[in-house]
Protein backbone atom coordinates (compact mmCIF):
# COMPACT_ATOMS: atom_id res chain seq x y z
CA MET A 1 119.97 99.15 108.61
CA LYS A 2 117.77 100.41 111.41
CA GLU A 3 115.83 98.04 113.60
CA TYR A 4 112.36 98.59 115.03
CA LYS A 5 112.15 96.04 117.81
CA THR A 6 111.30 98.19 120.84
CA PRO A 7 108.25 100.43 121.30
CA GLU A 8 110.58 103.44 121.53
CA GLU A 9 112.26 102.64 118.20
CA LYS A 10 108.89 102.24 116.54
CA LYS A 11 107.54 105.44 118.06
CA ARG A 12 110.56 107.37 116.77
CA PHE A 13 110.08 105.88 113.30
CA TYR A 14 106.40 106.75 113.10
CA LYS A 15 107.19 110.38 113.97
CA THR A 16 109.64 110.85 111.08
CA ARG A 17 109.00 112.99 108.05
CA ALA A 18 109.88 110.05 105.79
CA TRP A 19 107.09 107.93 107.33
CA SER A 20 104.61 110.80 107.10
CA ASP A 21 105.40 111.27 103.40
CA VAL A 22 105.12 107.59 102.44
CA ARG A 23 101.99 107.18 104.57
CA THR A 24 100.35 109.99 102.64
CA GLN A 25 101.37 108.37 99.36
CA ALA A 26 99.80 105.08 100.41
CA LEU A 27 96.53 106.77 101.46
CA GLU A 28 96.34 108.64 98.18
CA ARG A 29 97.17 105.53 96.12
CA ASP A 30 94.41 103.59 97.96
CA HIS A 31 91.95 106.51 97.56
CA TYR A 32 91.56 106.73 101.35
CA GLU A 33 89.71 103.38 101.40
CA CYS A 34 90.33 100.33 103.56
CA GLN A 35 91.74 97.71 101.25
CA GLU A 36 90.53 94.76 103.34
CA CYS A 37 86.97 96.08 103.52
CA GLN A 38 87.10 96.68 99.79
CA ARG A 39 88.25 93.08 99.26
CA LEU A 40 85.22 91.93 101.31
CA GLY A 41 82.77 94.10 99.37
CA ARG A 42 82.42 96.78 102.06
CA VAL A 43 83.34 100.43 101.87
CA THR A 44 85.23 102.10 104.70
CA THR A 45 86.66 105.43 103.77
CA ASN A 46 87.57 108.84 105.02
CA ASP A 47 89.85 111.59 103.92
CA ASP A 48 91.93 112.12 107.02
CA ARG A 49 93.10 115.47 105.64
CA LEU A 50 89.58 116.69 106.39
CA ASP A 51 88.27 114.40 109.11
CA LYS A 52 89.53 114.97 112.64
CA HIS A 53 88.50 111.48 113.75
CA LYS A 54 91.03 109.03 112.43
CA GLN A 55 89.42 106.01 110.82
CA LEU A 56 92.23 104.74 108.63
CA ASP A 57 95.71 103.38 109.32
CA VAL A 58 98.50 102.58 106.95
CA ASP A 59 99.63 99.01 107.60
CA HIS A 60 102.92 97.32 106.86
CA VAL A 61 102.07 94.11 105.01
CA GLN A 62 105.31 92.64 106.27
CA ASP A 63 105.90 94.03 109.78
CA ILE A 64 108.84 96.30 110.32
CA GLU A 65 110.11 94.19 113.24
CA GLU A 66 110.97 91.34 110.88
CA HIS A 67 111.52 93.39 107.70
CA PRO A 68 113.01 96.78 108.67
CA ASP A 69 114.28 97.20 105.10
CA LEU A 70 110.67 97.45 103.89
CA ALA A 71 109.61 100.07 106.44
CA LEU A 72 109.37 102.85 103.80
CA ASP A 73 108.60 100.67 100.77
CA LEU A 74 105.31 101.85 99.31
CA GLU A 75 104.63 98.36 97.92
CA ASN A 76 104.72 97.04 101.48
CA LEU A 77 101.98 99.39 102.65
CA ARG A 78 98.20 99.23 102.48
CA THR A 79 95.41 101.31 103.89
CA LEU A 80 93.27 99.61 106.55
CA CYS A 81 90.49 100.84 108.75
CA ILE A 82 91.14 100.70 112.47
CA ARG A 83 88.97 97.59 112.84
CA CYS A 84 90.74 95.60 110.10
CA HIS A 85 94.15 96.73 111.38
CA ASN A 86 93.29 95.58 114.90
CA ASP A 87 91.97 92.27 113.54
CA LYS A 88 95.21 91.70 111.62
CA HIS A 89 97.24 92.14 114.81
CA ASP A 90 94.78 90.24 117.02
CA ARG A 91 94.07 93.34 119.08
CA THR A 92 90.56 92.93 120.47
CA PHE A 93 88.78 95.34 122.69
CA ARG A 94 85.79 94.07 124.58
CA ARG A 95 83.10 96.40 125.80
CA LYS A 96 83.08 96.59 129.54
CA SER A 97 79.91 95.21 130.98
CA HIS A 98 77.94 97.38 133.31
CA ARG A 99 78.75 96.36 136.84
CA TRP A 100 75.02 96.06 137.68
CA GLU A 101 74.09 94.34 134.48
CA TYR A 102 73.08 91.03 136.05
CA ASP A 103 71.43 92.40 139.18
CA GLU A 104 67.75 92.12 139.73
CA ARG A 105 65.86 95.16 138.50
CA TRP A 106 63.15 96.55 140.74
C-alpha cells in the first residue's frame, strides 16, 4: 500500500491519471456543487470543465495520510468549495492590512 505522508508523495498522487478520473467522477456525482454549502442551505457551484477559475475541490473525507487505502475510493470523496475546504483543514488567510491604514489622514 502506498503512503502519502510527505508533500512530494501527495503531489505525485494528485498528478496521477487515477486521481484525475476519480476526481471527475466525484464532481459529476455531486453535480459540481459544494456539499458543505448545500448542507448549510447555500449554493456554491461551478463547472470546472468550463470555468478557468477553480472554485471547487474534491476533498478526502478521511485524509489520505491516515487512510491511504481510501485515496481513490469514491465514497471517501466529496466536492467542497475552496472556502469550505480551507475551513475543514483550518487554513485561514487574513487580508493584509494597508501599511498606512492607521495613520492620520490629511
